[in-house]
């Protein structure tokens, strides 16, 4: 992966992130001040394989770093669930 250009994409709603095939290296999540923040990412569509599913605390900015070569999304990163989350930034190669 040395020499790969890292790209960032910010999303605020469910649906395809329109990145295409990529490896997710890191996620920056800003949660709302109340509720039960939950982030679920699937490959391609809502019915695609779940690649990341996390529950978070309210009123925080969290960084989720993925070890090794990251999580491979064969089709695209699909934001299946983004409950009580203000924004998500994907760092991909």
PDB file of N, CA and C in Angstrom:
ATOM      1  N   UNK A   1       0.804  -1.204   0.000  1.00  0.00           N
ATOM      2  CA  UNK A   1       0.000   0.000   0.000  1.00  0.00           C
ATOM      3  C   UNK A   1       0.847   1.268   0.000  1.00  0.00           C
ATOM      4  N   UNK A   2       2.144   1.125   0.192  1.00  0.00           N
ATOM      5  CA  UNK A   2       2.997   2.303   0.208  1.00  0.00           C
ATOM      6  C   UNK A   2       2.818   3.078  -1.093  1.00  0.00           C
ATOM      7  N   UNK A   3       2.698   4.367  -0.970  1.00  0.00           N
ATOM      8  CA  UNK A   3       2.552   5.201  -2.137  1.00  0.00           C
ATOM      9  C   UNK A   3       1.127   5.372  -2.628  1.00  0.00           C
ATOM     10  N   UNK A   4       0.166   4.718  -1.985  1.00  0.00           N
ATOM     11  CA  UNK A   4      -1.227   4.856  -2.398  1.00  0.00           C
ATOM     12  C   UNK A   4      -1.769   6.207  -1.970  1.00  0.00           C
ATOM     13  N   UNK A   5      -2.593   6.805  -2.816  1.00  0.00           N
ATOM     14  CA  UNK A   5      -3.232   8.061  -2.468  1.00  0.00           C
ATOM     15  C   UNK A   5      -4.459   7.792  -1.618  1.00  0.00           C
ATOM     16  N   UNK A   6      -4.513   8.385  -0.458  1.00  0.00           N
ATOM     17  CA  UNK A   6      -5.672   8.260   0.414  1.00  0.00           C
ATOM     18  C   UNK A   6      -6.702   9.284  -0.034  1.00  0.00           C
ATOM     19  N   UNK A   7      -7.942   8.824  -0.172  1.00  0.00           N
ATOM     20  CA  UNK A   7      -9.039   9.711  -0.571  1.00  0.00           C
ATOM     21  C   UNK A   7     -10.013   9.833   0.597  1.00  0.00           C
ATOM     22  N   UNK A   8     -10.677  10.965   0.690  1.00  0.00           N
ATOM     23  CA  UNK A   8     -11.682  11.163   1.730  1.00  0.00           C
ATOM     24  C   UNK A   8     -13.037  11.418   1.086  1.00  0.00           C
ATOM     25  N   UNK A   9     -14.067  10.901   1.743  1.00  0.00           N
ATOM     26  CA  UNK A   9     -15.442  11.109   1.305  1.00  0.00           C
ATOM     27  C   UNK A   9     -16.294  11.342   2.535  1.00  0.00           C
ATOM     28  N   UNK A  10     -17.071  12.428   2.543  1.00  0.00           N
ATOM     29  CA  UNK A  10     -17.953  12.756   3.674  1.00  0.00           C
ATOM     30  C   UNK A  10     -19.386  12.449   3.290  1.00  0.00           C
ATOM     31  N   UNK A  11     -20.091  11.768   4.198  1.00  0.00           N
ATOM     32  CA  UNK A  11     -21.508  11.472   3.985  1.00  0.00           C
ATOM     33  C   UNK A  11     -22.305  11.871   5.226  1.00  0.00           C
ATOM     34  N   UNK A  12     -23.590  12.171   5.007  1.00  0.00           N
ATOM     35  CA  UNK A  12     -24.472  12.551   6.115  1.00  0.00           C
ATOM     36  C   UNK A  12     -25.799  11.799   6.069  1.00  0.00           C
ATOM     37  N   UNK A  13     -25.904  10.832   5.161  1.00  0.00           N
ATOM     38  CA  UNK A  13     -27.163  10.098   5.011  1.00  0.00           C
ATOM     39  C   UNK A  13     -26.877   8.677   4.548  1.00  0.00           C
ATOM     40  N   UNK A  14     -27.915   7.852   4.522  1.00  0.00           N
ATOM     41  CA  UNK A  14     -27.770   6.483   4.061  1.00  0.00           C
ATOM     42  C   UNK A  14     -27.641   6.437   2.540  1.00  0.00           C
ATOM     43  N   UNK A  15     -27.161   5.294   2.047  1.00  0.00           N
ATOM     44  CA  UNK A  15     -27.015   5.097   0.614  1.00  0.00           C
ATOM     45  C   UNK A  15     -25.566   4.912   0.217  1.00  0.00           C
ATOM     46  N   UNK A  16     -25.353   4.717  -1.065  1.00  0.00           N
ATOM     47  CA  UNK A  16     -24.011   4.498  -1.595  1.00  0.00           C
ATOM     48  C   UNK A  16     -23.154   5.748  -1.440  1.00  0.00           C
ATOM     49  N   UNK A  17     -21.906   5.533  -1.072  1.00  0.00           N
ATOM     50  CA  UNK A  17     -20.976   6.652  -0.912  1.00  0.00           C
ATOM     51  C   UNK A  17     -20.387   7.080  -2.246  1.00  0.00           C
ATOM     52  N   UNK A  18     -20.645   6.317  -3.306  1.00  0.00           N
ATOM     53  CA  UNK A  18     -20.172   6.622  -4.668  1.00  0.00           C
ATOM     54  C   UNK A  18     -18.655   6.718  -4.752  1.00  0.00           C
ATOM     55  N   UNK A  19     -17.997   5.771  -4.104  1.00  0.00           N
ATOM     56  CA  UNK A  19     -16.535   5.698  -4.127  1.00  0.00           C
ATOM     57  C   UNK A  19     -16.087   4.622  -5.112  1.00  0.00           C
ATOM     58  N   UNK A  20     -16.888   3.562  -5.236  1.00  0.00           N
ATOM     59  CA  UNK A  20     -16.493   2.420  -6.045  1.00  0.00           C
ATOM     60  C   UNK A  20     -15.685   1.439  -5.209  1.00  0.00           C
ATOM     61  N   UNK A  21     -15.049   0.485  -5.869  1.00  0.00           N
ATOM     62  CA  UNK A  21     -14.230  -0.512  -5.174  1.00  0.00           C
ATOM     63  C   UNK A  21     -13.114   0.203  -4.418  1.00  0.00           C
ATOM     64  N   UNK A  22     -12.953  -0.145  -3.142  1.00  0.00           N
ATOM     65  CA  UNK A  22     -11.944   0.534  -2.326  1.00  0.00           C
ATOM     66  C   UNK A  22     -11.623  -0.280  -1.084  1.00  0.00           C
ATOM     67  N   UNK A  23     -10.575   0.140  -0.423  1.00  0.00           N
ATOM     68  CA  UNK A  23     -10.238  -0.395   0.897  1.00  0.00           C
ATOM     69  C   UNK A  23     -10.429   0.728   1.909  1.00  0.00           C
ATOM     70  N   UNK A  24     -11.266   0.464   2.887  1.00  0.00           N
ATOM     71  CA  UNK A  24     -11.535   1.439   3.952  1.00  0.00           C
ATOM     72  C   UNK A  24     -10.442   1.318   5.000  1.00  0.00           C
ATOM     73  N   UNK A  25      -9.726   2.408   5.220  1.00  0.00           N
ATOM     74  CA  UNK A  25      -8.610   2.414   6.160  1.00  0.00           C
ATOM     75  C   UNK A  25      -8.970   3.047   7.503  1.00  0.00           C
ATOM     76  N   UNK A  26      -9.849   4.045   7.463  1.00  0.00           N
ATOM     77  CA  UNK A  26     -10.216   4.755   8.683  1.00  0.00           C
ATOM     78  C   UNK A  26     -11.567   5.433   8.490  1.00  0.00           C
ATOM     79  N   UNK A  27     -12.282   5.595   9.608  1.00  0.00           N
ATOM     80  CA  UNK A  27     -13.578   6.271   9.592  1.00  0.00           C
ATOM     81  C   UNK A  27     -13.576   7.308  10.714  1.00  0.00           C
ATOM     82  N   UNK A  28     -14.023   8.506  10.403  1.00  0.00           N
ATOM     83  CA  UNK A  28     -14.191   9.567  11.394  1.00  0.00           C
ATOM     84  C   UNK A  28     -15.689   9.801  11.527  1.00  0.00           C
ATOM     85  N   UNK A  29     -16.223   9.585  12.724  1.00  0.00           N
ATOM     86  CA  UNK A  29     -17.670   9.660  12.942  1.00  0.00           C
ATOM     87  C   UNK A  29     -17.975  10.741  13.970  1.00  0.00           C
ATOM     88  N   UNK A  30     -18.870  11.666  13.624  1.00  0.00           N
ATOM     89  CA  UNK A  30     -19.346  12.676  14.571  1.00  0.00           C
ATOM     90  C   UNK A  30     -20.781  12.314  14.933  1.00  0.00           C
ATOM     91  N   UNK A  31     -21.020  12.083  16.223  1.00  0.00           N
ATOM     92  CA  UNK A  31     -22.347  11.659  16.660  1.00  0.00           C
ATOM     93  C   UNK A  31     -23.171  12.836  17.176  1.00  0.00           C
ATOM     94  N   UNK A  32     -24.473  12.646  17.162  1.00  0.00           N
ATOM     95  CA  UNK A  32     -25.405  13.659  17.666  1.00  0.00           C
ATOM     96  C   UNK A  32     -25.317  13.726  19.195  1.00  0.00           C
ATOM     97  N   UNK A  33     -25.912  14.750  19.750  1.00  0.00           N
ATOM     98  CA  UNK A  33     -25.871  14.958  21.191  1.00  0.00           C
ATOM     99  C   UNK A  33     -26.798  14.071  21.987  1.00  0.00           C
ATOM    100  N   UNK A  34     -27.687  13.369  21.309  1.00  0.00           N
ATOM    101  CA  UNK A  34     -28.604  12.461  22.009  1.00  0.00           C
ATOM    102  C   UNK A  34     -28.925  11.281  21.104  1.00  0.00           C
ATOM    103  N   UNK A  35     -29.582  10.297  21.670  1.00  0.00           N
ATOM    104  CA  UNK A  35     -29.972   9.129  20.891  1.00  0.00           C
ATOM    105  C   UNK A  35     -29.064   7.944  21.142  1.00  0.00           C
ATOM    106  N   UNK A  36     -29.058   7.036  20.178  1.00  0.00           N
ATOM    107  CA  UNK A  36     -28.252   5.816  20.257  1.00  0.00           C
ATOM    108  C   UNK A  36     -27.488   5.681  18.940  1.00  0.00           C
ATOM    109  N   UNK A  37     -26.337   6.338  18.826  1.00  0.00           N
ATOM    110  CA  UNK A  37     -25.602   6.332  17.567  1.00  0.00           C
ATOM    111  C   UNK A  37     -25.183   4.924  17.124  1.00  0.00           C
ATOM    112  N   UNK A  38     -25.457   4.625  15.858  1.00  0.00           N
ATOM    113  CA  UNK A  38     -25.119   3.328  15.282  1.00  0.00           C
ATOM    114  C   UNK A  38     -24.704   3.549  13.831  1.00  0.00           C
ATOM    115  N   UNK A  39     -23.623   2.893  13.431  1.00  0.00           N
ATOM    116  CA  UNK A  39     -23.143   2.971  12.059  1.00  0.00           C
ATOM    117  C   UNK A  39     -23.003   1.554  11.518  1.00  0.00           C
ATOM    118  N   UNK A  40     -23.657   1.292  10.379  1.00  0.00           N
ATOM    119  CA  UNK A  40     -23.557  -0.013   9.728  1.00  0.00           C
ATOM    120  C   UNK A  40     -23.213   0.206   8.264  1.00  0.00           C
ATOM    121  N   UNK A  41     -22.115  -0.398   7.828  1.00  0.00           N
ATOM    122  CA  UNK A  41     -21.669  -0.292   6.448  1.00  0.00           C
ATOM    123  C   UNK A  41     -21.761  -1.653   5.778  1.00  0.00           C
ATOM    124  N   UNK A  42     -22.340  -1.673   4.583  1.00  0.00           N
ATOM    125  CA  UNK A  42     -22.453  -2.906   3.818  1.00  0.00           C
ATOM    126  C   UNK A  42     -21.778  -2.715   2.458  1.00  0.00           C
ATOM    127  N   UNK A  43     -21.543  -3.825   1.771  1.00  0.00           N
ATOM    128  CA  UNK A  43     -20.884  -3.771   0.475  1.00  0.00           C
ATOM    129  C   UNK A  43     -21.916  -3.595  -0.635  1.00  0.00           C
ATOM    130  N   UNK A  44     -21.906  -2.438  -1.278  1.00  0.00           N
ATOM    131  CA  UNK A  44     -22.732  -2.194  -2.453  1.00  0.00           C
ATOM    132  C   UNK A  44     -24.139  -1.715  -2.201  1.00  0.00           C
ATOM    133  N   UNK A  45     -24.957  -2.515  -1.513  1.00  0.00           N
ATOM    134  CA  UNK A  45     -26.360  -2.172  -1.268  1.00  0.00           C
ATOM    135  C   UNK A  45     -26.717  -2.547   0.171  1.00  0.00           C
ATOM    136  N   UNK A  46     -27.935  -2.194   0.582  1.00  0.00           N
ATOM    137  CA  UNK A  46     -28.383  -2.541   1.933  1.00  0.00           C
ATOM    138  C   UNK A  46     -28.360  -4.042   2.182  1.00  0.00           C
ATOM    139  N   UNK A  47     -28.566  -4.844   1.127  1.00  0.00           N
ATOM    140  CA  UNK A  47     -28.574  -6.303   1.295  1.00  0.00           C
ATOM    141  C   UNK A  47     -27.191  -6.919   1.129  1.00  0.00           C
ATOM    142  N   UNK A  48     -26.178  -6.089   0.882  1.00  0.00           N
ATOM    143  CA  UNK A  48     -24.809  -6.588   0.737  1.00  0.00           C
ATOM    144  C   UNK A  48     -24.233  -7.048   2.068  1.00  0.00           C
ATOM    145  N   UNK A  49     -23.074  -7.685   1.985  1.00  0.00           N
ATOM    146  CA  UNK A  49     -22.400  -8.194   3.180  1.00  0.00           C
ATOM    147  C   UNK A  49     -22.068  -7.052   4.144  1.00  0.00           C
ATOM    148  N   UNK A  50     -22.379  -7.246   5.425  1.00  0.00           N
ATOM    149  CA  UNK A  50     -22.026  -6.255   6.441  1.00  0.00           C
ATOM    150  C   UNK A  50     -20.522  -6.282   6.645  1.00  0.00           C
ATOM    151  N   UNK A  51     -19.894  -5.142   6.487  1.00  0.00           N
ATOM    152  CA  UNK A  51     -18.440  -5.038   6.614  1.00  0.00           C
ATOM    153  C   UNK A  51     -18.018  -4.367   7.915  1.00  0.00           C
ATOM    154  N   UNK A  52     -18.871  -3.476   8.444  1.00  0.00           N
ATOM    155  CA  UNK A  52     -18.569  -2.787   9.699  1.00  0.00           C
ATOM    156  C   UNK A  52     -19.886  -2.416  10.361  1.00  0.00           C
ATOM    157  N   UNK A  53     -20.003  -2.718  11.645  1.00  0.00           N
ATOM    158  CA  UNK A  53     -21.221  -2.394  12.394  1.00  0.00           C
ATOM    159  C   UNK A  53     -20.801  -2.019  13.808  1.00  0.00           C
ATOM    160  N   UNK A  54     -20.971  -0.752  14.172  1.00  0.00           N
ATOM    161  CA  UNK A  54     -20.528  -0.274  15.476  1.00  0.00           C
ATOM    162  C   UNK A  54     -21.603   0.575  16.153  1.00  0.00           C
ATOM    163  N   UNK A  55     -21.631   0.476  17.469  1.00  0.00           N
ATOM    164  CA  UNK A  55     -22.437   1.358  18.304  1.00  0.00           C
ATOM    165  C   UNK A  55     -21.486   2.375  18.912  1.00  0.00           C
ATOM    166  N   UNK A  56     -21.932   3.627  19.011  1.00  0.00           N
ATOM    167  CA  UNK A  56     -21.069   4.706  19.478  1.00  0.00           C
ATOM    168  C   UNK A  56     -21.735   5.468  20.611  1.00  0.00           C
ATOM    169  N   UNK A  57     -20.978   6.328  21.251  1.00  0.00           N
ATOM    170  CA  UNK A  57     -21.481   7.191  22.318  1.00  0.00           C
ATOM    171  C   UNK A  57     -21.978   8.505  21.714  1.00  0.00           C
ATOM    172  N   UNK A  58     -22.895   9.164  22.402  1.00  0.00           N
ATOM    173  CA  UNK A  58     -23.430  10.440  21.913  1.00  0.00           C
ATOM    174  C   UNK A  58     -22.445  11.584  22.146  1.00  0.00           C
ATOM    175  N   UNK A  59     -22.573  12.607  21.306  1.00  0.00           N
ATOM    176  CA  UNK A  59     -21.815  13.843  21.478  1.00  0.00           C
ATOM    177  C   UNK A  59     -20.314  13.690  21.371  1.00  0.00           C
ATOM    178  N   UNK A  60     -19.841  12.800  20.499  1.00  0.00           N
ATOM    179  CA  UNK A  60     -18.403  12.566  20.368  1.00  0.00           C
ATOM    180  C   UNK A  60     -17.981  12.572  18.904  1.00  0.00           C
ATOM    181  N   UNK A  61     -16.695  12.730  18.706  1.00  0.00           N
ATOM    182  CA  UNK A  61     -16.084  12.476  17.410  1.00  0.00           C
ATOM    183  C   UNK A  61     -15.150  11.305  17.613  1.00  0.00           C
ATOM    184  N   UNK A  62     -15.445  10.204  16.935  1.00  0.00           N
ATOM    185  CA  UNK A  62     -14.687   8.965  17.093  1.00  0.00           C
ATOM    186  C   UNK A  62     -13.926   8.638  15.822  1.00  0.00           C
ATOM    187  N   UNK A  63     -12.730   8.101  15.997  1.00  0.00           N
ATOM    188  CA  UNK A  63     -11.932   7.622  14.886  1.00  0.00           C
ATOM    189  C   UNK A  63     -11.839   6.112  14.990  1.00  0.00           C
ATOM    190  N   UNK A  64     -12.219   5.441  13.919  1.00  0.00           N
ATOM    191  CA  UNK A  64     -12.128   3.986  13.851  1.00  0.00           C
ATOM    192  C   UNK A  64     -11.036   3.668  12.837  1.00  0.00           C
ATOM    193  N   UNK A  65      -9.918   3.130  13.317  1.00  0.00           N
ATOM    194  CA  UNK A  65      -8.814   2.756  12.434  1.00  0.00           C
ATOM    195  C   UNK A  65      -8.889   1.265  12.160  1.00  0.00           C
ATOM    196  N   UNK A  66      -8.738   0.905  10.902  1.00  0.00           N
ATOM    197  CA  UNK A  66      -8.800  -0.495  10.489  1.00  0.00           C
ATOM    198  C   UNK A  66      -7.366  -0.996  10.313  1.00  0.00           C
ATOM    199  N   UNK A  67      -7.005  -2.093  10.985  1.00  0.00           N
ATOM    200  CA  UNK A  67      -5.638  -2.590  10.886  1.00  0.00           C
ATOM    201  C   UNK A  67      -5.313  -3.215   9.532  1.00  0.00           C
ATOM    202  N   UNK A  68      -4.032  -3.451   9.324  1.00  0.00           N
ATOM    203  CA  UNK A  68      -3.492  -4.144   8.155  1.00  0.00           C
ATOM    204  C   UNK A  68      -3.890  -3.453   6.855  1.00  0.00           C
ATOM    205  N   UNK A  69      -4.504  -4.189   5.937  1.00  0.00           N
ATOM    206  CA  UNK A  69      -4.815  -3.666   4.611  1.00  0.00           C
ATOM    207  C   UNK A  69      -6.202  -3.040   4.513  1.00  0.00           C
ATOM    208  N   UNK A  70      -6.884  -2.840   5.629  1.00  0.00           N
ATOM    209  CA  UNK A  70      -8.203  -2.223   5.612  1.00  0.00           C
ATOM    210  C   UNK A  70      -9.305  -3.212   5.278  1.00  0.00           C
ATOM    211  N   UNK A  71     -10.517  -2.705   5.127  1.00  0.00           N
ATOM    212  CA  UNK A  71     -11.683  -3.524   4.774  1.00  0.00           C
ATOM    213  C   UNK A  71     -11.962  -3.323   3.292  1.00  0.00           C
ATOM    214  N   UNK A  72     -11.971  -4.424   2.543  1.00  0.00           N
ATOM    215  CA  UNK A  72     -12.224  -4.341   1.108  1.00  0.00           C
ATOM    216  C   UNK A  72     -13.723  -4.275   0.825  1.00  0.00           C
ATOM    217  N   UNK A  73     -14.132  -3.249   0.118  1.00  0.00           N
ATOM    218  CA  UNK A  73     -15.497  -3.121  -0.396  1.00  0.00           C
ATOM    219  C   UNK A  73     -15.401  -3.392  -1.888  1.00  0.00           C
ATOM    220  N   UNK A  74     -15.924  -4.526  -2.330  1.00  0.00           N
ATOM    221  CA  UNK A  74     -15.814  -4.956  -3.725  1.00  0.00           C
ATOM    222  C   UNK A  74     -16.561  -4.027  -4.677  1.00  0.00           C
ATOM    223  N   UNK A  75     -17.726  -3.513  -4.242  1.00  0.00           N
ATOM    224  CA  UNK A  75     -18.572  -2.695  -5.113  1.00  0.00           C
ATOM    225  C   UNK A  75     -18.519  -1.218  -4.742  1.00  0.00           C
ATOM    226  N   UNK A  76     -18.888  -0.903  -3.507  1.00  0.00           N
ATOM    227  CA  UNK A  76     -18.928   0.472  -3.010  1.00  0.00           C
ATOM    228  C   UNK A  76     -19.223   0.405  -1.522  1.00  0.00           C
ATOM    229  N   UNK A  77     -18.894   1.442  -0.797  1.00  0.00           N
ATOM    230  CA  UNK A  77     -19.301   1.539   0.602  1.00  0.00           C
ATOM    231  C   UNK A  77     -20.756   1.992   0.602  1.00  0.00           C
ATOM    232  N   UNK A  78     -21.604   1.190   1.209  1.00  0.00           N
ATOM    233  CA  UNK A  78     -23.005   1.551   1.345  1.00  0.00           C
ATOM    234  C   UNK A  78     -23.288   1.830   2.821  1.00  0.00           C
ATOM    235  N   UNK A  79     -23.792   3.023   3.095  1.00  0.00           N
ATOM    236  CA  UNK A  79     -24.160   3.380   4.462  1.00  0.00           C
ATOM    237  C   UNK A  79     -25.571   2.863   4.693  1.00  0.00           C
ATOM    238  N   UNK A  80     -25.671   1.744   5.387  1.00  0.00           N
ATOM    239  CA  UNK A  80     -26.955   1.085   5.645  1.00  0.00           C
ATOM    240  C   UNK A  80     -27.688   1.778   6.779  1.00  0.00           C
ATOM    241  N   UNK A  81     -26.959   2.046   7.870  1.00  0.00           N
ATOM    242  CA  UNK A  81     -27.543   2.676   9.061  1.00  0.00           C
ATOM    243  C   UNK A  81     -26.638   3.808   9.510  1.00  0.00           C
ATOM    244  N   UNK A  82     -27.234   4.963   9.777  1.00  0.00           N
ATOM    245  CA  UNK A  82     -26.487   6.121  10.253  1.00  0.00           C
ATOM    246  C   UNK A  82     -27.344   6.837  11.304  1.00  0.00           C
ATOM    247  N   UNK A  83     -27.799   6.054  12.292  1.00  0.00           N
ATOM    248  CA  UNK A  83     -28.701   6.591  13.319  1.00  0.00           C
ATOM    249  C   UNK A  83     -27.971   7.518  14.279  1.00  0.00           C
ATOM    250  N   UNK A  84     -28.535   8.704  14.491  1.00  0.00           N
ATOM    251  CA  UNK A  84     -28.025   9.691  15.447  1.00  0.00           C
ATOM    252  C   UNK A  84     -26.555  10.035  15.205  1.00  0.00           C
ATOM    253  N   UNK A  85     -26.192  10.116  13.931  1.00  0.00           N
ATOM    254  CA  UNK A  85     -24.840  10.485  13.532  1.00  0.00           C
ATOM    255  C   UNK A  85     -24.928  11.719  12.646  1.00  0.00           C
ATOM    256  N   UNK A  86     -24.107  12.709  12.944  1.00  0.00           N
ATOM    257  CA  UNK A  86     -24.110  13.968  12.196  1.00  0.00           C
ATOM    258  C   UNK A  86     -23.400  13.823  10.859  1.00  0.00           C
ATOM    259  N   UNK A  87     -22.208  13.190  10.875  1.00  0.00           N
ATOM    260  CA  UNK A  87     -21.463  12.996   9.647  1.00  0.00           C
ATOM    261  C   UNK A  87     -20.466  11.848   9.806  1.00  0.00           C
ATOM    262  N   UNK A  88     -20.086  11.309   8.644  1.00  0.00           N
ATOM    263  CA  UNK A  88     -19.087  10.240   8.589  1.00  0.00           C
ATOM    264  C   UNK A  88     -18.104  10.600   7.487  1.00  0.00           C
ATOM    265  N   UNK A  89     -16.811  10.478   7.778  1.00  0.00           N
ATOM    266  CA  UNK A  89     -15.778  10.688   6.769  1.00  0.00           C
ATOM    267  C   UNK A  89     -15.032   9.374   6.605  1.00  0.00           C
ATOM    268  N   UNK A  90     -14.968   8.900   5.345  1.00  0.00           N
ATOM    269  CA  UNK A  90     -14.251   7.672   5.020  1.00  0.00           C
ATOM    270  C   UNK A  90     -12.877   8.025   4.475  1.00  0.00           C
ATOM    271  N   UNK A  91     -11.850   7.325   4.937  1.00  0.00           N
ATOM    272  CA  UNK A  91     -10.506   7.427   4.401  1.00  0.00           C
ATOM    273  C   UNK A  91     -10.237   6.119   3.668  1.00  0.00           C
ATOM    274  N   UNK A  92     -10.084   6.191   2.359  1.00  0.00           N
ATOM    275  CA  UNK A  92      -9.992   4.988   1.544  1.00  0.00           C
ATOM    276  C   UNK A  92      -8.779   5.033   0.609  1.00  0.00           C
ATOM    277  N   UNK A  93      -8.393   3.846   0.169  1.00  0.00           N
ATOM    278  CA  UNK A  93      -7.375   3.734  -0.891  1.00  0.00           C
ATOM    279  C   UNK A  93      -7.907   2.784  -1.926  1.00  0.00           C
TER     280      UNK A  93
END
